[in-house]
Structures are given as C-alpha cells and as structure tokens.
PDB file of N, CA and C in Angstrom:
ATOM      1  N   MET A   1      34.132   5.861 -64.417  1.00  0.00           N
ATOM      2  CA  MET A   1      33.200   5.269 -65.370  1.00  0.00           C
ATOM      3  C   MET A   1      33.576   3.802 -65.611  1.00  0.00           C
ATOM      4  N   ILE A   2      32.538   2.985 -65.799  1.00  0.00           N
ATOM      5  CA  ILE A   2      32.745   1.560 -65.995  1.00  0.00           C
ATOM      6  C   ILE A   2      33.000   1.305 -67.474  1.00  0.00           C
ATOM      7  N   ARG A   3      33.956   0.430 -67.725  1.00  0.00           N
ATOM      8  CA  ARG A   3      34.275   0.091 -69.115  1.00  0.00           C
ATOM      9  C   ARG A   3      33.112  -0.654 -69.762  1.00  0.00           C
ATOM     10  N   PRO A   4      32.917  -0.509 -71.062  1.00  0.00           N
ATOM     11  CA  PRO A   4      31.791  -1.144 -71.755  1.00  0.00           C
ATOM     12  C   PRO A   4      31.779  -2.653 -71.588  1.00  0.00           C
ATOM     13  N   GLY A   5      32.889  -3.313 -71.533  1.00  0.00           N
ATOM     14  CA  GLY A   5      32.944  -4.770 -71.387  1.00  0.00           C
ATOM     15  C   GLY A   5      32.454  -5.229 -70.021  1.00  0.00           C
ATOM     16  N   TRP A   6      32.640  -4.408 -69.013  1.00  0.00           N
ATOM     17  CA  TRP A   6      32.249  -4.764 -67.649  1.00  0.00           C
ATOM     18  C   TRP A   6      30.748  -4.566 -67.406  1.00  0.00           C
ATOM     19  N   ARG A   7      30.106  -3.766 -68.215  1.00  0.00           N
ATOM     20  CA  ARG A   7      28.664  -3.559 -68.042  1.00  0.00           C
ATOM     21  C   ARG A   7      27.900  -4.872 -68.205  1.00  0.00           C
ATOM     22  N   GLY A   8      28.300  -5.659 -69.152  1.00  0.00           N
ATOM     23  CA  GLY A   8      27.663  -6.967 -69.379  1.00  0.00           C
ATOM     24  C   GLY A   8      27.888  -7.907 -68.205  1.00  0.00           C
ATOM     25  N   VAL A   9      29.094  -7.865 -67.622  1.00  0.00           N
ATOM     26  CA  VAL A   9      29.401  -8.724 -66.486  1.00  0.00           C
ATOM     27  C   VAL A   9      28.540  -8.322 -65.286  1.00  0.00           C
ATOM     28  N   PHE A  10      28.421  -7.010 -65.036  1.00  0.00           N
ATOM     29  CA  PHE A  10      27.591  -6.548 -63.928  1.00  0.00           C
ATOM     30  C   PHE A  10      26.118  -6.917 -64.149  1.00  0.00           C
ATOM     31  N   ALA A  11      25.640  -6.775 -65.360  1.00  0.00           N
ATOM     32  CA  ALA A  11      24.259  -7.130 -65.665  1.00  0.00           C
ATOM     33  C   ALA A  11      24.023  -8.622 -65.458  1.00  0.00           C
ATOM     34  N   LEU A  12      24.999  -9.441 -65.870  1.00  0.00           N
ATOM     35  CA  LEU A  12      24.895 -10.881 -65.688  1.00  0.00           C
ATOM     36  C   LEU A  12      24.872 -11.250 -64.207  1.00  0.00           C
ATOM     37  N   LEU A  13      25.692 -10.594 -63.406  1.00  0.00           N
ATOM     38  CA  LEU A  13      25.731 -10.864 -61.966  1.00  0.00           C
ATOM     39  C   LEU A  13      24.425 -10.450 -61.283  1.00  0.00           C
ATOM     40  N   LEU A  14      23.812  -9.363 -61.741  1.00  0.00           N
ATOM     41  CA  LEU A  14      22.562  -8.918 -61.144  1.00  0.00           C
ATOM     42  C   LEU A  14      21.378  -9.801 -61.531  1.00  0.00           C
ATOM     43  N   LEU A  15      21.380 -10.337 -62.726  1.00  0.00           N
ATOM     44  CA  LEU A  15      20.244 -11.138 -63.196  1.00  0.00           C
ATOM     45  C   LEU A  15      20.350 -12.617 -62.841  1.00  0.00           C
ATOM     46  N   THR A  16      21.516 -13.090 -62.470  1.00  0.00           N
ATOM     47  CA  THR A  16      21.703 -14.515 -62.166  1.00  0.00           C
ATOM     48  C   THR A  16      20.796 -14.991 -61.035  1.00  0.00           C
ATOM     49  N   PRO A  17      20.675 -14.280 -59.900  1.00  0.00           N
ATOM     50  CA  PRO A  17      19.773 -14.779 -58.852  1.00  0.00           C
ATOM     51  C   PRO A  17      18.311 -14.823 -59.294  1.00  0.00           C
ATOM     52  N   LEU A  18      17.887 -13.924 -60.144  1.00  0.00           N
ATOM     53  CA  LEU A  18      16.508 -13.911 -60.603  1.00  0.00           C
ATOM     54  C   LEU A  18      16.201 -15.093 -61.505  1.00  0.00           C
ATOM     55  N   VAL A  19      17.132 -15.454 -62.341  1.00  0.00           N
ATOM     56  CA  VAL A  19      16.942 -16.587 -63.241  1.00  0.00           C
ATOM     57  C   VAL A  19      16.971 -17.886 -62.448  1.00  0.00           C
ATOM     58  N   GLY A  20      17.815 -17.960 -61.429  1.00  0.00           N
ATOM     59  CA  GLY A  20      17.942 -19.171 -60.633  1.00  0.00           C
ATOM     60  C   GLY A  20      16.676 -19.522 -59.872  1.00  0.00           C
ATOM     61  N   CYS A  21      15.881 -18.533 -59.502  1.00  0.00           N
ATOM     62  CA  CYS A  21      14.651 -18.803 -58.755  1.00  0.00           C
ATOM     63  C   CYS A  21      13.669 -19.621 -59.586  1.00  0.00           C
ATOM     64  N   GLY A  22      13.648 -19.430 -60.869  1.00  0.00           N
ATOM     65  CA  GLY A  22      12.743 -20.176 -61.729  1.00  0.00           C
ATOM     66  C   GLY A  22      13.200 -21.598 -61.964  1.00  0.00           C
ATOM     67  N   LEU A  23      14.438 -21.905 -61.660  1.00  0.00           N
ATOM     68  CA  LEU A  23      14.955 -23.248 -61.894  1.00  0.00           C
ATOM     69  C   LEU A  23      14.771 -24.176 -60.701  1.00  0.00           C
ATOM     70  N   LEU A  24      14.413 -23.633 -59.552  1.00  0.00           N
ATOM     71  CA  LEU A  24      14.232 -24.460 -58.372  1.00  0.00           C
ATOM     72  C   LEU A  24      12.961 -25.290 -58.501  1.00  0.00           C
ATOM     73  N   PRO A  25      12.986 -26.529 -57.968  1.00  0.00           N
ATOM     74  CA  PRO A  25      11.755 -27.330 -58.020  1.00  0.00           C
ATOM     75  C   PRO A  25      10.703 -26.728 -57.092  1.00  0.00           C
ATOM     76  N   ARG A  26       9.463 -26.771 -57.521  1.00  0.00           N
ATOM     77  CA  ARG A  26       8.377 -26.216 -56.724  1.00  0.00           C
ATOM     78  C   ARG A  26       7.926 -27.240 -55.686  1.00  0.00           C
ATOM     79  N   GLN A  27       7.578 -26.726 -54.521  1.00  0.00           N
ATOM     80  CA  GLN A  27       7.089 -27.608 -53.472  1.00  0.00           C
ATOM     81  C   GLN A  27       5.616 -27.918 -53.719  1.00  0.00           C
ATOM     82  N   LYS A  28       5.251 -29.153 -53.480  1.00  0.00           N
ATOM     83  CA  LYS A  28       3.867 -29.560 -53.665  1.00  0.00           C
ATOM     84  C   LYS A  28       3.064 -29.156 -52.443  1.00  0.00           C
ATOM     85  N   THR A  29       1.832 -28.719 -52.674  1.00  0.00           N
ATOM     86  CA  THR A  29       0.956 -28.373 -51.557  1.00  0.00           C
ATOM     87  C   THR A  29       0.383 -29.655 -50.975  1.00  0.00           C
ATOM     88  N   ALA A  30       0.125 -29.640 -49.686  1.00  0.00           N
ATOM     89  CA  ALA A  30      -0.399 -30.821 -49.001  1.00  0.00           C
ATOM     90  C   ALA A  30      -1.844 -31.085 -49.426  1.00  0.00           C
ATOM     91  N   GLN A  31      -2.125 -32.310 -49.743  1.00  0.00           N
ATOM     92  CA  GLN A  31      -3.473 -32.721 -50.111  1.00  0.00           C
ATOM     93  C   GLN A  31      -4.200 -33.193 -48.857  1.00  0.00           C
ATOM     94  N   PRO A  32      -5.493 -32.963 -48.771  1.00  0.00           N
ATOM     95  CA  PRO A  32      -6.216 -33.461 -47.600  1.00  0.00           C
ATOM     96  C   PRO A  32      -6.126 -34.980 -47.514  1.00  0.00           C
ATOM     97  N   ALA A  33      -5.938 -35.477 -46.299  1.00  0.00           N
ATOM     98  CA  ALA A  33      -5.746 -36.911 -46.098  1.00  0.00           C
ATOM     99  C   ALA A  33      -7.035 -37.703 -46.294  1.00  0.00           C
ATOM    100  N   GLY A  34      -8.165 -37.091 -46.037  1.00  0.00           N
ATOM    101  CA  GLY A  34      -9.425 -37.815 -46.152  1.00  0.00           C
ATOM    102  C   GLY A  34     -10.584 -36.840 -46.130  1.00  0.00           C
ATOM    103  N   PRO A  35     -11.742 -37.343 -45.783  1.00  0.00           N
ATOM    104  CA  PRO A  35     -12.905 -36.454 -45.728  1.00  0.00           C
ATOM    105  C   PRO A  35     -12.741 -35.422 -44.612  1.00  0.00           C
ATOM    106  N   PRO A  36     -13.376 -34.261 -44.759  1.00  0.00           N
ATOM    107  CA  PRO A  36     -13.248 -33.233 -43.723  1.00  0.00           C
ATOM    108  C   PRO A  36     -13.865 -33.699 -42.404  1.00  0.00           C
ATOM    109  N   ALA A  37     -13.296 -33.199 -41.326  1.00  0.00           N
ATOM    110  CA  ALA A  37     -13.770 -33.581 -39.992  1.00  0.00           C
ATOM    111  C   ALA A  37     -15.061 -32.831 -39.660  1.00  0.00           C
ATOM    112  N   PRO A  38     -15.913 -33.422 -38.810  1.00  0.00           N
ATOM    113  CA  PRO A  38     -17.120 -32.716 -38.400  1.00  0.00           C
ATOM    114  C   PRO A  38     -16.769 -31.484 -37.571  1.00  0.00           C
ATOM    115  N   LEU A  39     -17.630 -30.486 -37.634  1.00  0.00           N
ATOM    116  CA  LEU A  39     -17.414 -29.221 -36.941  1.00  0.00           C
ATOM    117  C   LEU A  39     -18.031 -29.288 -35.546  1.00  0.00           C
ATOM    118  N   LEU A  40     -17.223 -29.015 -34.513  1.00  0.00           N
ATOM    119  CA  LEU A  40     -17.725 -29.010 -33.142  1.00  0.00           C
ATOM    120  C   LEU A  40     -18.581 -27.770 -32.942  1.00  0.00           C
ATOM    121  N   ILE A  41     -19.841 -27.957 -32.589  1.00  0.00           N
ATOM    122  CA  ILE A  41     -20.776 -26.860 -32.369  1.00  0.00           C
ATOM    123  C   ILE A  41     -20.761 -26.436 -30.912  1.00  0.00           C
ATOM    124  N   GLY A  42     -20.763 -27.377 -29.994  1.00  0.00           N
ATOM    125  CA  GLY A  42     -20.768 -27.049 -28.577  1.00  0.00           C
ATOM    126  C   GLY A  42     -21.116 -28.248 -27.719  1.00  0.00           C
ATOM    127  N   THR A  43     -21.568 -27.963 -26.499  1.00  0.00           N
ATOM    128  CA  THR A  43     -21.889 -28.988 -25.516  1.00  0.00           C
ATOM    129  C   THR A  43     -23.333 -28.823 -25.043  1.00  0.00           C
ATOM    130  N   ILE A  44     -24.011 -29.930 -24.853  1.00  0.00           N
ATOM    131  CA  ILE A  44     -25.394 -29.886 -24.376  1.00  0.00           C
ATOM    132  C   ILE A  44     -25.395 -29.501 -22.896  1.00  0.00           C
ATOM    133  N   THR A  45     -26.159 -28.463 -22.558  1.00  0.00           N
ATOM    134  CA  THR A  45     -26.235 -28.019 -21.173  1.00  0.00           C
ATOM    135  C   THR A  45     -27.600 -28.287 -20.545  1.00  0.00           C
ATOM    136  N   LEU A  46     -28.607 -28.578 -21.364  1.00  0.00           N
ATOM    137  CA  LEU A  46     -29.941 -28.868 -20.839  1.00  0.00           C
ATOM    138  C   LEU A  46     -30.648 -29.795 -21.815  1.00  0.00           C
ATOM    139  N   VAL A  47     -31.331 -30.802 -21.275  1.00  0.00           N
ATOM    140  CA  VAL A  47     -32.132 -31.704 -22.099  1.00  0.00           C
ATOM    141  C   VAL A  47     -33.564 -31.660 -21.581  1.00  0.00           C
ATOM    142  N   ASN A  48     -34.515 -31.329 -22.455  1.00  0.00           N
ATOM    143  CA  ASN A  48     -35.932 -31.315 -22.113  1.00  0.00           C
ATOM    144  C   ASN A  48     -36.589 -32.449 -22.907  1.00  0.00           C
ATOM    145  N   THR A  49     -36.757 -33.592 -22.250  1.00  0.00           N
ATOM    146  CA  THR A  49     -37.322 -34.752 -22.947  1.00  0.00           C
ATOM    147  C   THR A  49     -38.820 -34.601 -23.190  1.00  0.00           C
ATOM    148  N   ALA A  50     -39.505 -33.836 -22.340  1.00  0.00           N
ATOM    149  CA  ALA A  50     -40.953 -33.655 -22.510  1.00  0.00           C
ATOM    150  C   ALA A  50     -41.267 -32.879 -23.790  1.00  0.00           C
ATOM    151  N   GLN A  51     -40.470 -31.869 -24.087  1.00  0.00           N
ATOM    152  CA  GLN A  51     -40.711 -31.063 -25.281  1.00  0.00           C
ATOM    153  C   GLN A  51     -39.712 -31.367 -26.403  1.00  0.00           C
ATOM    154  N   HIS A  52     -38.881 -32.362 -26.231  1.00  0.00           N
ATOM    155  CA  HIS A  52     -37.969 -32.886 -27.253  1.00  0.00           C
ATOM    156  C   HIS A  52     -37.005 -31.832 -27.811  1.00  0.00           C
ATOM    157  N   PHE A  53     -36.284 -31.140 -26.916  1.00  0.00           N
ATOM    158  CA  PHE A  53     -35.256 -30.222 -27.384  1.00  0.00           C
ATOM    159  C   PHE A  53     -34.097 -30.202 -26.408  1.00  0.00           C
ATOM    160  N   VAL A  54     -32.952 -29.693 -26.901  1.00  0.00           N
ATOM    161  CA  VAL A  54     -31.749 -29.534 -26.082  1.00  0.00           C
ATOM    162  C   VAL A  54     -31.254 -28.099 -26.202  1.00  0.00           C
ATOM    163  N   LEU A  55     -30.554 -27.657 -25.183  1.00  0.00           N
ATOM    164  CA  LEU A  55     -29.911 -26.347 -25.187  1.00  0.00           C
ATOM    165  C   LEU A  55     -28.414 -26.594 -25.375  1.00  0.00           C
ATOM    166  N   ILE A  56     -27.833 -25.959 -26.380  1.00  0.00           N
ATOM    167  CA  ILE A  56     -26.420 -26.169 -26.722  1.00  0.00           C
ATOM    168  C   ILE A  56     -25.639 -24.916 -26.371  1.00  0.00           C
ATOM    169  N   ASP A  57     -24.570 -25.093 -25.611  1.00  0.00           N
ATOM    170  CA  ASP A  57     -23.653 -23.998 -25.290  1.00  0.00           C
ATOM    171  C   ASP A  57     -22.547 -24.015 -26.340  1.00  0.00           C
ATOM    172  N   SER A  58     -22.545 -23.005 -27.200  1.00  0.00           N
ATOM    173  CA  SER A  58     -21.536 -22.926 -28.272  1.00  0.00           C
ATOM    174  C   SER A  58     -20.662 -21.702 -28.060  1.00  0.00           C
ATOM    175  N   THR A  59     -20.034 -21.636 -26.871  1.00  0.00           N
ATOM    176  CA  THR A  59     -19.209 -20.483 -26.512  1.00  0.00           C
ATOM    177  C   THR A  59     -18.034 -20.300 -27.455  1.00  0.00           C
ATOM    178  N   ASN A  60     -17.390 -21.384 -27.857  1.00  0.00           N
ATOM    179  CA  ASN A  60     -16.164 -21.294 -28.653  1.00  0.00           C
ATOM    180  C   ASN A  60     -16.385 -21.377 -30.155  1.00  0.00           C
ATOM    181  N   SER A  61     -17.613 -21.434 -30.603  1.00  0.00           N
ATOM    182  CA  SER A  61     -17.867 -21.499 -32.050  1.00  0.00           C
ATOM    183  C   SER A  61     -19.180 -20.786 -32.353  1.00  0.00           C
ATOM    184  N   PRO A  62     -19.362 -20.385 -33.594  1.00  0.00           N
ATOM    185  CA  PRO A  62     -20.656 -19.789 -33.938  1.00  0.00           C
ATOM    186  C   PRO A  62     -21.737 -20.868 -33.884  1.00  0.00           C
ATOM    187  N   GLY A  63     -22.928 -20.459 -33.575  1.00  0.00           N
ATOM    188  CA  GLY A  63     -24.028 -21.420 -33.525  1.00  0.00           C
ATOM    189  C   GLY A  63     -24.321 -21.970 -34.905  1.00  0.00           C
ATOM    190  N   PRO A  64     -24.990 -23.107 -34.953  1.00  0.00           N
ATOM    191  CA  PRO A  64     -25.303 -23.702 -36.262  1.00  0.00           C
ATOM    192  C   PRO A  64     -26.386 -22.906 -36.973  1.00  0.00           C
ATOM    193  N   PRO A  65     -26.401 -22.924 -38.293  1.00  0.00           N
ATOM    194  CA  PRO A  65     -27.491 -22.295 -39.026  1.00  0.00           C
ATOM    195  C   PRO A  65     -28.788 -23.070 -38.782  1.00  0.00           C
ATOM    196  N   PRO A  66     -29.936 -22.447 -38.995  1.00  0.00           N
ATOM    197  CA  PRO A  66     -31.213 -23.143 -38.777  1.00  0.00           C
ATOM    198  C   PRO A  66     -31.415 -24.326 -39.711  1.00  0.00           C
ATOM    199  N   ASP A  67     -32.148 -25.313 -39.232  1.00  0.00           N
ATOM    200  CA  ASP A  67     -32.540 -26.508 -40.001  1.00  0.00           C
ATOM    201  C   ASP A  67     -31.360 -27.319 -40.518  1.00  0.00           C
ATOM    202  N   VAL A  68     -30.342 -27.470 -39.688  1.00  0.00           N
ATOM    203  CA  VAL A  68     -29.178 -28.293 -40.039  1.00  0.00           C
ATOM    204  C   VAL A  68     -29.188 -29.526 -39.146  1.00  0.00           C
ATOM    205  N   THR A  69     -28.881 -30.686 -39.714  1.00  0.00           N
ATOM    206  CA  THR A  69     -28.810 -31.917 -38.940  1.00  0.00           C
ATOM    207  C   THR A  69     -27.515 -31.931 -38.138  1.00  0.00           C
ATOM    208  N   LEU A  70     -27.639 -32.212 -36.847  1.00  0.00           N
ATOM    209  CA  LEU A  70     -26.496 -32.265 -35.937  1.00  0.00           C
ATOM    210  C   LEU A  70     -26.449 -33.640 -35.288  1.00  0.00           C
ATOM    211  N   GLN A  71     -25.298 -33.984 -34.716  1.00  0.00           N
ATOM    212  CA  GLN A  71     -25.154 -35.249 -34.013  1.00  0.00           C
ATOM    213  C   GLN A  71     -24.624 -34.990 -32.610  1.00  0.00           C
ATOM    214  N   ALA A  72     -25.250 -35.615 -31.626  1.00  0.00           N
ATOM    215  CA  ALA A  72     -24.766 -35.555 -30.246  1.00  0.00           C
ATOM    216  C   ALA A  72     -23.897 -36.783 -30.015  1.00  0.00           C
ATOM    217  N   HIS A  73     -22.697 -36.551 -29.478  1.00  0.00           N
ATOM    218  CA  HIS A  73     -21.743 -37.636 -29.246  1.00  0.00           C
ATOM    219  C   HIS A  73     -21.409 -37.730 -27.768  1.00  0.00           C
ATOM    220  N   ALA A  74     -21.496 -38.946 -27.221  1.00  0.00           N
ATOM    221  CA  ALA A  74     -20.985 -39.253 -25.893  1.00  0.00           C
ATOM    222  C   ALA A  74     -19.546 -39.735 -26.098  1.00  0.00           C
ATOM    223  N   PRO A  75     -18.797 -39.983 -25.032  1.00  0.00           N
ATOM    224  CA  PRO A  75     -17.423 -40.463 -25.211  1.00  0.00           C
ATOM    225  C   PRO A  75     -17.318 -41.768 -26.001  1.00  0.00           C
ATOM    226  N   ASP A  76     -18.365 -42.596 -25.989  1.00  0.00           N
ATOM    227  CA  ASP A  76     -18.303 -43.878 -26.703  1.00  0.00           C
ATOM    228  C   ASP A  76     -18.922 -43.837 -28.098  1.00  0.00           C
ATOM    229  N   GLY A  77     -19.359 -42.661 -28.584  1.00  0.00           N
ATOM    230  CA  GLY A  77     -19.866 -42.556 -29.947  1.00  0.00           C
ATOM    231  C   GLY A  77     -21.142 -41.743 -30.034  1.00  0.00           C
ATOM    232  N   PRO A  78     -21.747 -41.700 -31.227  1.00  0.00           N
ATOM    233  CA  PRO A  78     -22.965 -40.911 -31.415  1.00  0.00           C
ATOM    234  C   PRO A  78     -24.138 -41.505 -30.628  1.00  0.00           C
ATOM    235  N   VAL A  79     -24.931 -40.603 -30.042  1.00  0.00           N
ATOM    236  CA  VAL A  79     -26.071 -41.064 -29.235  1.00  0.00           C
ATOM    237  C   VAL A  79     -27.399 -40.479 -29.691  1.00  0.00           C
ATOM    238  N   ALA A  80     -27.363 -39.378 -30.465  1.00  0.00           N
ATOM    239  CA  ALA A  80     -28.630 -38.762 -30.870  1.00  0.00           C
ATOM    240  C   ALA A  80     -28.445 -37.946 -32.141  1.00  0.00           C
ATOM    241  N   GLU A  81     -29.553 -37.800 -32.853  1.00  0.00           N
ATOM    242  CA  GLU A  81     -29.593 -36.917 -34.021  1.00  0.00           C
ATOM    243  C   GLU A  81     -30.461 -35.720 -33.651  1.00  0.00           C
ATOM    244  N   LEU A  82     -29.965 -34.533 -33.965  1.00  0.00           N
ATOM    245  CA  LEU A  82     -30.651 -33.292 -33.613  1.00  0.00           C
ATOM    246  C   LEU A  82     -30.873 -32.458 -34.862  1.00  0.00           C
ATOM    247  N   LYS A  83     -31.808 -31.524 -34.769  1.00  0.00           N
ATOM    248  CA  LYS A  83     -32.047 -30.574 -35.862  1.00  0.00           C
ATOM    249  C   LYS A  83     -32.035 -29.180 -35.253  1.00  0.00           C
ATOM    250  N   SER A  84     -31.135 -28.335 -35.747  1.00  0.00           N
ATOM    251  CA  SER A  84     -30.995 -26.996 -35.178  1.00  0.00           C
ATOM    252  C   SER A  84     -32.214 -26.144 -35.501  1.00  0.00           C
ATOM    253  N   SER A  85     -32.499 -25.218 -34.601  1.00  0.00           N
ATOM    254  CA  SER A  85     -33.623 -24.307 -34.820  1.00  0.00           C
ATOM    255  C   SER A  85     -33.093 -22.882 -34.966  1.00  0.00           C
ATOM    256  N   ALA A  86     -33.977 -21.975 -35.312  1.00  0.00           N
ATOM    257  CA  ALA A  86     -33.584 -20.571 -35.479  1.00  0.00           C
ATOM    258  C   ALA A  86     -33.522 -19.839 -34.140  1.00  0.00           C
ATOM    259  N   ILE A  87     -33.983 -20.493 -33.068  1.00  0.00           N
ATOM    260  CA  ILE A  87     -33.991 -19.858 -31.747  1.00  0.00           C
ATOM    261  C   ILE A  87     -32.591 -19.932 -31.163  1.00  0.00           C
ATOM    262  N   ARG A  88     -32.036 -18.764 -30.864  1.00  0.00           N
ATOM    263  CA  ARG A  88     -30.706 -18.720 -30.270  1.00  0.00           C
ATOM    264  C   ARG A  88     -30.492 -17.398 -29.572  1.00  0.00           C
ATOM    265  N   ARG A  89     -29.656 -17.429 -28.599  1.00  0.00           N
ATOM    266  CA  ARG A  89     -29.187 -16.240 -27.902  1.00  0.00           C
ATOM    267  C   ARG A  89     -27.760 -16.568 -27.486  1.00  0.00           C
ATOM    268  N   ARG A  90     -26.810 -15.886 -28.136  1.00  0.00           N
ATOM    269  CA  ARG A  90     -25.391 -16.165 -27.918  1.00  0.00           C
ATOM    270  C   ARG A  90     -25.063 -16.299 -26.459  1.00  0.00           C
ATOM    271  N   PRO A  91     -24.381 -17.289 -26.035  1.00  0.00           N
ATOM    272  CA  PRO A  91     -23.736 -18.376 -26.771  1.00  0.00           C
ATOM    273  C   PRO A  91     -24.587 -19.644 -26.870  1.00  0.00           C
ATOM    274  N   PHE A  92     -25.884 -19.531 -26.624  1.00  0.00           N
ATOM    275  CA  PHE A  92     -26.743 -20.720 -26.603  1.00  0.00           C
ATOM    276  C   PHE A  92     -27.597 -20.813 -27.865  1.00  0.00           C
ATOM    277  N   SER A  93     -27.874 -22.054 -28.245  1.00  0.00           N
ATOM    278  CA  SER A  93     -28.810 -22.300 -29.337  1.00  0.00           C
ATOM    279  C   SER A  93     -29.636 -23.525 -28.967  1.00  0.00           C
ATOM    280  N   ILE A  94     -30.753 -23.687 -29.643  1.00  0.00           N
ATOM    281  CA  ILE A  94     -31.694 -24.771 -29.357  1.00  0.00           C
ATOM    282  C   ILE A  94     -31.720 -25.714 -30.553  1.00  0.00           C
ATOM    283  N   ALA A  95     -31.832 -26.997 -30.251  1.00  0.00           N
ATOM    284  CA  ALA A  95     -31.965 -28.008 -31.307  1.00  0.00           C
ATOM    285  C   ALA A  95     -33.039 -29.003 -30.891  1.00  0.00           C
ATOM    286  N   ASP A  96     -33.834 -29.428 -31.841  1.00  0.00           N
ATOM    287  CA  ASP A  96     -34.880 -30.424 -31.591  1.00  0.00           C
ATOM    288  C   ASP A  96     -34.267 -31.822 -31.620  1.00  0.00           C
ATOM    289  N   ILE A  97     -34.770 -32.705 -30.771  1.00  0.00           N
ATOM    290  CA  ILE A  97     -34.313 -34.096 -30.750  1.00  0.00           C
ATOM    291  C   ILE A  97     -35.078 -34.858 -31.823  1.00  0.00           C
ATOM    292  N   VAL A  98     -34.382 -35.386 -32.815  1.00  0.00           N
ATOM    293  CA  VAL A  98     -35.006 -36.158 -33.889  1.00  0.00           C
ATOM    294  C   VAL A  98     -35.079 -37.622 -33.487  1.00  0.00           C
ATOM    295  N   LYS A  99     -33.952 -38.176 -32.998  1.00  0.00           N
ATOM    296  CA  LYS A  99     -33.944 -39.557 -32.496  1.00  0.00           C
ATOM    297  C   LYS A  99     -32.770 -39.723 -31.536  1.00  0.00           C
ATOM    298  N   GLY A 100     -32.874 -40.698 -30.675  1.00  0.00           N
ATOM    299  CA  GLY A 100     -31.824 -40.964 -29.704  1.00  0.00           C
ATOM    300  C   GLY A 100     -32.108 -40.309 -28.362  1.00  0.00           C
ATOM    301  N   THR A 101     -31.173 -40.480 -27.437  1.00  0.00           N
ATOM    302  CA  THR A 101     -31.321 -39.922 -26.091  1.00  0.00           C
ATOM    303  C   THR A 101     -30.060 -39.158 -25.703  1.00  0.00           C
ATOM    304  N   PRO A 102     -30.017 -37.869 -26.008  1.00  0.00           N
ATOM    305  CA  PRO A 102     -28.853 -37.073 -25.611  1.00  0.00           C
ATOM    306  C   PRO A 102     -28.858 -36.822 -24.106  1.00  0.00           C
ATOM    307  N   LYS A 103     -27.668 -36.549 -23.581  1.00  0.00           N
ATOM    308  CA  LYS A 103     -27.517 -36.263 -22.164  1.00  0.00           C
ATOM    309  C   LYS A 103     -26.713 -34.977 -21.992  1.00  0.00           C
ATOM    310  N   VAL A 104     -26.862 -34.366 -20.827  1.00  0.00           N
ATOM    311  CA  VAL A 104     -26.085 -33.171 -20.510  1.00  0.00           C
ATOM    312  C   VAL A 104     -24.600 -33.543 -20.554  1.00  0.00           C
ATOM    313  N   GLY A 105     -23.799 -32.711 -21.232  1.00  0.00           N
ATOM    314  CA  GLY A 105     -22.367 -32.946 -21.361  1.00  0.00           C
ATOM    315  C   GLY A 105     -21.970 -33.566 -22.685  1.00  0.00           C
ATOM    316  N   ASP A 106     -22.926 -34.086 -23.442  1.00  0.00           N
ATOM    317  CA  ASP A 106     -22.609 -34.637 -24.771  1.00  0.00           C
ATOM    318  C   ASP A 106     -22.150 -33.511 -25.692  1.00  0.00           C
ATOM    319  N   GLN A 107     -21.204 -33.812 -26.547  1.00  0.00           N
ATOM    320  CA  GLN A 107     -20.745 -32.824 -27.521  1.00  0.00           C
ATOM    321  C   GLN A 107     -21.597 -32.909 -28.769  1.00  0.00           C
ATOM    322  N   VAL A 108     -21.826 -31.741 -29.388  1.00  0.00           N
ATOM    323  CA  VAL A 108     -22.670 -31.661 -30.583  1.00  0.00           C
ATOM    324  C   VAL A 108     -21.782 -31.292 -31.767  1.00  0.00           C
ATOM    325  N   PHE A 109     -21.906 -32.070 -32.839  1.00  0.00           N
ATOM    326  CA  PHE A 109     -21.117 -31.877 -34.046  1.00  0.00           C
ATOM    327  C   PHE A 109     -22.028 -31.651 -35.246  1.00  0.00           C
ATOM    328  N   GLN A 110     -21.539 -30.854 -36.191  1.00  0.00           N
ATOM    329  CA  GLN A 110     -22.213 -30.698 -37.478  1.00  0.00           C
ATOM    330  C   GLN A 110     -21.409 -31.516 -38.479  1.00  0.00           C
ATOM    331  N   PRO A 111     -22.013 -32.543 -39.078  1.00  0.00           N
ATOM    332  CA  PRO A 111     -21.288 -33.364 -40.054  1.00  0.00           C
ATOM    333  C   PRO A 111     -20.844 -32.509 -41.245  1.00  0.00           C
ATOM    334  N   PRO A 112     -19.737 -32.897 -41.892  1.00  0.00           N
ATOM    335  CA  PRO A 112     -19.295 -32.137 -43.073  1.00  0.00           C
ATOM    336  C   PRO A 112     -20.309 -32.235 -44.193  1.00  0.00           C
ATOM    337  N   ARG A 113     -20.355 -31.201 -45.011  1.00  0.00           N
ATOM    338  CA  ARG A 113     -21.332 -31.162 -46.123  1.00  0.00           C
ATOM    339  C   ARG A 113     -20.787 -31.826 -47.339  1.00  0.00           C
TER     340      ARG A 113
END
C-alpha cells in the first residue's frame, strides 16, 4: 500500500504533463497570401466558329455549372470569354463563345467567385 504522503506526489506527477500542454504557445494557422486562384476546368478540344461554341475536355475536374463565365487562356494570356451551358457528357462540356477567338489546346479557367 502507498503511504498517504506519496499519493499527492503520484497525482502531481500524473497531472503535470496535462497542465503543461496548456502552457505551450499555439501555432498560428496560415493565412491565404492573396485572392484565390482560378479553377482549371479543362482544355478546348473543338472550336466551332460558325455556331459560336467550344467543346471542353474536363477529364481531371468536374465540369462547370451552367451559365458560368469562363476564360480561355493561351500560353501568353487570356484570349476569349466563354459561358458554360447545361449540355455536357462526361468528360466533355460545351461553352458558348461570348468574345475573343479561342483555339484548340487553350486552357479554360473559372475565375474565383
């Protein structure tokens, strides 16, 4: 049997690590550096200039929701503004050309909201 005086010492030894955890400084969570990046929707695989639409291959991401403004980007910057439509069949979706001249291979981004 443990002597009555030692019970307090054992209790103190058991509770010391628990009390110490509250005394440690808390780490700060990382704040976003700036505005959110645009979401990559996919790549243009077909351009129909006569009917003013493009076919977007979005194999690696979900297709855009209907009636969302999208941007087509070439390697040197944005080249066209698009508007997504409700017509889609995974992994492809259709977007109407609002302005600009997109080309096959351009990447399509959804700007942050």
